[in-house]
Each structure stands twice: as C-alpha cells, then as structure tokens.
Amino acid sequence: MERALVIDSGKCTGCEQCEVACSTVHEGVSNPAHSRIKVFNFHDEGRFVPYTCTQCDEAWCMQSCPVDAISLADGGAKVVSDSQCVGCKVCTIACPFGTIN
C-alpha cells in the first residue's frame, strides 16, 4: 500500500511541532533532528515551508551513498539504515531538493 504525506504549507506557523511529533511516532524519540519532516524558515519573507523527502525516481542520495546505507523498502520508499550510515553527508550533497540530512 502506497502512502503519501500531504502538507499544506499555507497553514504552517513555524512551530516545528510536526517535526517533534514525527520523530516521536517514527523514531521513538522527541528529537526534531530525527524527523522525516523539516521546516524551512524563509527569514526575509517571514514564512515557513515544511518539506519532506520527495521519494524521487532518480534517488541521487541512494546512488551516492558510499556504504549503501539507503535502500528501497517494500513499496519503493527510500529508507536510511542508521546502523550502516557513517554520517559522511554525501547523500545530503547529492540530493537536489535538500531534503535528506
């Protein structure tokens, strides 16, 4: 079953509670650094835009990972294995959307 996350950026106030809730539900810790949702702050414009991985077909992050820590889960989602990841940030550099960190 494919799932999708629908984000209405017009309703975002920048409180970052979505990051806390996401990390708590999916990772078991209340730590926004572990969230699958990130809130980008456009300081000059005074607006916030929540974003998440676009699960793009090219998967530059997965292709660039030197230790193969990013794989395809059932259903096709790209998933990072924390136990394999060495924290080199090559995937972060490779992502054209800036959504993996």
N, C-alpha and C. Protein backbone atom coordinates (compact mmCIF):
# COMPACT_ATOMS: atom_id res chain seq x y z
N MET A 1 0.84 -1.18 0.00
CA MET A 1 0.00 0.00 0.00
C MET A 1 0.88 1.24 0.00
N GLU A 2 0.67 2.11 -0.96
CA GLU A 2 1.42 3.35 -1.02
C GLU A 2 0.79 4.38 -0.09
N ARG A 3 1.64 5.14 0.58
CA ARG A 3 1.17 6.19 1.47
C ARG A 3 1.76 7.51 1.02
N ALA A 4 1.08 8.58 1.36
CA ALA A 4 1.57 9.91 1.00
C ALA A 4 1.34 10.86 2.16
N LEU A 5 2.21 11.82 2.26
CA LEU A 5 2.09 12.86 3.27
C LEU A 5 1.68 14.14 2.56
N VAL A 6 0.55 14.69 2.94
CA VAL A 6 0.06 15.92 2.33
C VAL A 6 0.35 17.07 3.29
N ILE A 7 1.08 18.06 2.81
CA ILE A 7 1.46 19.20 3.64
C ILE A 7 0.84 20.46 3.07
N ASP A 8 0.11 21.19 3.89
CA ASP A 8 -0.46 22.48 3.49
C ASP A 8 0.43 23.56 4.07
N SER A 9 1.40 24.03 3.28
CA SER A 9 2.37 25.00 3.78
C SER A 9 1.74 26.33 4.15
N GLY A 10 0.56 26.61 3.62
CA GLY A 10 -0.13 27.85 3.96
C GLY A 10 -0.57 27.92 5.41
N LYS A 11 -0.69 26.76 6.05
CA LYS A 11 -1.11 26.70 7.45
C LYS A 11 0.07 26.65 8.42
N CYS A 12 1.28 26.56 7.90
CA CYS A 12 2.46 26.42 8.75
C CYS A 12 2.78 27.73 9.46
N THR A 13 2.94 27.64 10.79
CA THR A 13 3.31 28.81 11.60
C THR A 13 4.77 28.77 12.04
N GLY A 14 5.46 27.68 11.68
CA GLY A 14 6.86 27.56 12.06
C GLY A 14 7.08 27.03 13.46
N CYS A 15 6.06 26.47 14.08
CA CYS A 15 6.18 25.98 15.46
C CYS A 15 7.03 24.71 15.57
N GLU A 16 7.20 24.01 14.46
CA GLU A 16 8.01 22.80 14.37
C GLU A 16 7.47 21.63 15.18
N GLN A 17 6.21 21.71 15.60
CA GLN A 17 5.61 20.59 16.33
C GLN A 17 5.45 19.36 15.44
N CYS A 18 5.33 19.56 14.13
CA CYS A 18 5.26 18.42 13.21
C CYS A 18 6.55 17.62 13.26
N GLU A 19 7.69 18.31 13.40
CA GLU A 19 8.98 17.63 13.49
C GLU A 19 9.06 16.79 14.76
N VAL A 20 8.61 17.35 15.87
CA VAL A 20 8.64 16.64 17.15
C VAL A 20 7.71 15.42 17.11
N ALA A 21 6.49 15.62 16.60
CA ALA A 21 5.53 14.52 16.52
C ALA A 21 6.04 13.41 15.61
N CYS A 22 6.61 13.77 14.48
CA CYS A 22 7.12 12.79 13.53
C CYS A 22 8.24 11.96 14.14
N SER A 23 9.19 12.61 14.78
CA SER A 23 10.30 11.88 15.37
C SER A 23 9.83 10.99 16.52
N THR A 24 8.84 11.44 17.27
CA THR A 24 8.31 10.65 18.38
C THR A 24 7.61 9.40 17.86
N VAL A 25 6.75 9.57 16.86
CA VAL A 25 5.97 8.44 16.33
C VAL A 25 6.86 7.45 15.58
N HIS A 26 7.74 7.95 14.73
CA HIS A 26 8.51 7.05 13.86
C HIS A 26 9.85 6.59 14.44
N GLU A 27 10.44 7.37 15.33
CA GLU A 27 11.77 7.02 15.85
C GLU A 27 11.77 6.75 17.35
N GLY A 28 10.66 7.07 18.02
CA GLY A 28 10.57 6.81 19.46
C GLY A 28 11.30 7.82 20.32
N VAL A 29 11.75 8.92 19.73
CA VAL A 29 12.42 9.98 20.48
C VAL A 29 11.84 11.33 20.09
N SER A 30 11.75 12.22 21.05
CA SER A 30 11.24 13.56 20.77
C SER A 30 12.42 14.45 20.39
N ASN A 31 12.88 14.29 19.14
CA ASN A 31 14.07 14.99 18.67
C ASN A 31 13.88 15.38 17.21
N PRO A 32 13.66 16.66 16.93
CA PRO A 32 13.43 17.10 15.55
C PRO A 32 14.54 16.71 14.57
N ALA A 33 15.74 16.49 15.05
CA ALA A 33 16.83 16.07 14.16
C ALA A 33 16.56 14.71 13.55
N HIS A 34 15.68 13.93 14.17
CA HIS A 34 15.34 12.60 13.67
C HIS A 34 14.02 12.59 12.91
N SER A 35 13.46 13.75 12.67
CA SER A 35 12.16 13.85 11.99
C SER A 35 12.29 13.65 10.50
N ARG A 36 11.24 13.12 9.90
CA ARG A 36 11.18 12.96 8.45
C ARG A 36 10.61 14.22 7.80
N ILE A 37 10.15 15.14 8.63
CA ILE A 37 9.63 16.43 8.17
C ILE A 37 10.59 17.51 8.67
N LYS A 38 10.91 18.46 7.83
CA LYS A 38 11.74 19.59 8.22
C LYS A 38 10.98 20.87 7.87
N VAL A 39 11.15 21.89 8.70
CA VAL A 39 10.51 23.18 8.43
C VAL A 39 11.61 24.17 8.04
N PHE A 40 11.50 24.69 6.82
CA PHE A 40 12.46 25.67 6.33
C PHE A 40 11.94 27.06 6.65
N ASN A 41 12.79 27.90 7.20
CA ASN A 41 12.41 29.25 7.60
C ASN A 41 12.96 30.25 6.60
N PHE A 42 12.05 30.90 5.88
CA PHE A 42 12.44 31.98 4.97
C PHE A 42 12.43 33.27 5.79
N HIS A 43 13.55 33.56 6.44
CA HIS A 43 13.65 34.68 7.37
C HIS A 43 13.23 36.01 6.74
N ASP A 44 13.75 36.29 5.56
CA ASP A 44 13.50 37.58 4.91
C ASP A 44 12.03 37.78 4.57
N GLU A 45 11.34 36.69 4.25
CA GLU A 45 9.94 36.78 3.84
C GLU A 45 8.98 36.53 5.00
N GLY A 46 9.49 36.08 6.13
CA GLY A 46 8.65 35.81 7.28
C GLY A 46 7.68 34.67 7.08
N ARG A 47 8.10 33.64 6.34
CA ARG A 47 7.22 32.49 6.14
C ARG A 47 8.00 31.19 6.34
N PHE A 48 7.25 30.13 6.55
CA PHE A 48 7.83 28.82 6.82
C PHE A 48 7.28 27.82 5.82
N VAL A 49 8.12 26.88 5.43
CA VAL A 49 7.69 25.85 4.49
C VAL A 49 8.14 24.49 5.00
N PRO A 50 7.19 23.65 5.40
CA PRO A 50 7.56 22.29 5.78
C PRO A 50 7.81 21.45 4.53
N TYR A 51 8.79 20.57 4.61
CA TYR A 51 9.09 19.71 3.46
C TYR A 51 9.55 18.35 3.95
N THR A 52 9.53 17.40 3.05
CA THR A 52 9.98 16.04 3.34
C THR A 52 10.57 15.45 2.07
N CYS A 53 11.16 14.30 2.17
CA CYS A 53 11.75 13.64 1.01
C CYS A 53 10.69 13.46 -0.07
N THR A 54 11.05 13.77 -1.30
CA THR A 54 10.10 13.63 -2.41
C THR A 54 10.06 12.22 -2.97
N GLN A 55 10.90 11.34 -2.45
CA GLN A 55 10.96 9.95 -2.94
C GLN A 55 11.12 9.93 -4.46
N CYS A 56 12.03 10.74 -4.97
CA CYS A 56 12.22 10.87 -6.41
C CYS A 56 12.72 9.56 -7.04
N ASP A 57 12.43 9.41 -8.31
CA ASP A 57 12.81 8.20 -9.03
C ASP A 57 14.33 8.07 -9.18
N GLU A 58 15.01 9.21 -9.34
CA GLU A 58 16.46 9.18 -9.57
C GLU A 58 17.23 8.71 -8.34
N ALA A 59 16.74 9.08 -7.17
CA ALA A 59 17.36 8.70 -5.89
C ALA A 59 18.87 8.94 -5.88
N TRP A 60 19.27 10.18 -6.14
CA TRP A 60 20.69 10.52 -6.15
C TRP A 60 21.32 10.24 -4.79
N CYS A 61 20.55 10.40 -3.74
CA CYS A 61 21.07 10.12 -2.40
C CYS A 61 21.48 8.66 -2.28
N MET A 62 20.62 7.77 -2.75
CA MET A 62 20.88 6.34 -2.67
C MET A 62 22.06 5.95 -3.56
N GLN A 63 22.11 6.54 -4.75
CA GLN A 63 23.19 6.22 -5.69
C GLN A 63 24.55 6.70 -5.19
N SER A 64 24.55 7.78 -4.43
CA SER A 64 25.81 8.37 -3.99
C SER A 64 26.35 7.80 -2.69
N CYS A 65 25.53 7.10 -1.94
CA CYS A 65 25.95 6.61 -0.62
C CYS A 65 27.09 5.60 -0.75
N PRO A 66 28.25 5.90 -0.16
CA PRO A 66 29.41 5.02 -0.31
C PRO A 66 29.31 3.71 0.47
N VAL A 67 28.38 3.63 1.42
CA VAL A 67 28.24 2.41 2.23
C VAL A 67 26.90 1.72 2.03
N ASP A 68 26.16 2.14 1.01
CA ASP A 68 24.84 1.55 0.69
C ASP A 68 23.89 1.55 1.89
N ALA A 69 23.87 2.66 2.62
CA ALA A 69 23.00 2.78 3.79
C ALA A 69 21.57 3.15 3.43
N ILE A 70 21.33 3.51 2.17
CA ILE A 70 19.98 3.86 1.72
C ILE A 70 19.50 2.77 0.79
N SER A 71 18.33 2.23 1.11
CA SER A 71 17.80 1.13 0.31
C SER A 71 16.32 1.35 0.04
N LEU A 72 15.76 0.49 -0.79
CA LEU A 72 14.33 0.55 -1.10
C LEU A 72 13.57 -0.38 -0.17
N ALA A 73 12.56 0.15 0.49
CA ALA A 73 11.69 -0.66 1.34
C ALA A 73 10.57 -1.24 0.50
N ASP A 74 9.80 -2.13 1.08
CA ASP A 74 8.62 -2.64 0.40
C ASP A 74 7.74 -1.45 0.05
N GLY A 75 7.30 -1.35 -1.16
CA GLY A 75 6.50 -0.22 -1.60
C GLY A 75 7.32 0.83 -2.31
N GLY A 76 8.66 0.71 -2.28
CA GLY A 76 9.51 1.61 -3.04
C GLY A 76 10.06 2.81 -2.31
N ALA A 77 9.75 2.99 -1.03
CA ALA A 77 10.27 4.14 -0.29
C ALA A 77 11.76 3.98 -0.03
N LYS A 78 12.48 5.10 -0.11
CA LYS A 78 13.90 5.09 0.21
C LYS A 78 14.05 5.20 1.72
N VAL A 79 14.84 4.31 2.30
CA VAL A 79 14.99 4.24 3.75
C VAL A 79 16.47 4.24 4.11
N VAL A 80 16.83 5.04 5.13
CA VAL A 80 18.21 5.10 5.60
C VAL A 80 18.39 4.14 6.77
N SER A 81 19.40 3.30 6.69
CA SER A 81 19.74 2.39 7.79
C SER A 81 20.71 3.11 8.71
N ASP A 82 20.24 3.48 9.90
CA ASP A 82 21.08 4.19 10.84
C ASP A 82 22.31 3.38 11.24
N SER A 83 22.17 2.07 11.27
CA SER A 83 23.31 1.23 11.68
C SER A 83 24.39 1.17 10.60
N GLN A 84 24.04 1.40 9.35
CA GLN A 84 25.02 1.38 8.26
C GLN A 84 25.57 2.77 7.95
N CYS A 85 24.79 3.81 8.20
CA CYS A 85 25.19 5.17 7.87
C CYS A 85 26.42 5.59 8.68
N VAL A 86 27.40 6.18 7.98
CA VAL A 86 28.62 6.64 8.64
C VAL A 86 28.63 8.16 8.84
N GLY A 87 27.55 8.83 8.43
CA GLY A 87 27.43 10.27 8.65
C GLY A 87 28.29 11.14 7.75
N CYS A 88 28.65 10.64 6.58
CA CYS A 88 29.55 11.39 5.69
C CYS A 88 28.86 12.56 4.97
N LYS A 89 27.54 12.55 4.91
CA LYS A 89 26.73 13.62 4.30
C LYS A 89 26.83 13.68 2.77
N VAL A 90 27.36 12.65 2.13
CA VAL A 90 27.41 12.63 0.67
C VAL A 90 25.99 12.64 0.12
N CYS A 91 25.07 11.94 0.77
CA CYS A 91 23.67 11.92 0.32
C CYS A 91 23.05 13.31 0.40
N THR A 92 23.40 14.06 1.44
CA THR A 92 22.88 15.42 1.60
C THR A 92 23.34 16.30 0.45
N ILE A 93 24.59 16.16 0.06
CA ILE A 93 25.14 16.93 -1.05
C ILE A 93 24.50 16.52 -2.37
N ALA A 94 24.24 15.22 -2.52
CA ALA A 94 23.70 14.69 -3.78
C ALA A 94 22.23 15.01 -3.99
N CYS A 95 21.47 15.22 -2.93
CA CYS A 95 20.03 15.46 -3.06
C CYS A 95 19.77 16.84 -3.67
N PRO A 96 19.14 16.88 -4.86
CA PRO A 96 18.89 18.18 -5.50
C PRO A 96 17.80 18.99 -4.81
N PHE A 97 17.06 18.37 -3.91
CA PHE A 97 15.97 19.06 -3.22
C PHE A 97 16.35 19.49 -1.81
N GLY A 98 17.49 19.04 -1.31
CA GLY A 98 17.95 19.41 0.02
C GLY A 98 17.10 18.84 1.14
N THR A 99 16.50 17.67 0.90
CA THR A 99 15.58 17.15 1.91
C THR A 99 16.14 16.04 2.78
N ILE A 100 17.32 15.53 2.48
CA ILE A 100 17.90 14.50 3.32
C ILE A 100 19.02 15.12 4.14
N ASN A 101 19.09 14.74 5.41
CA ASN A 101 20.16 15.29 6.25
C ASN A 101 20.69 14.25 7.21
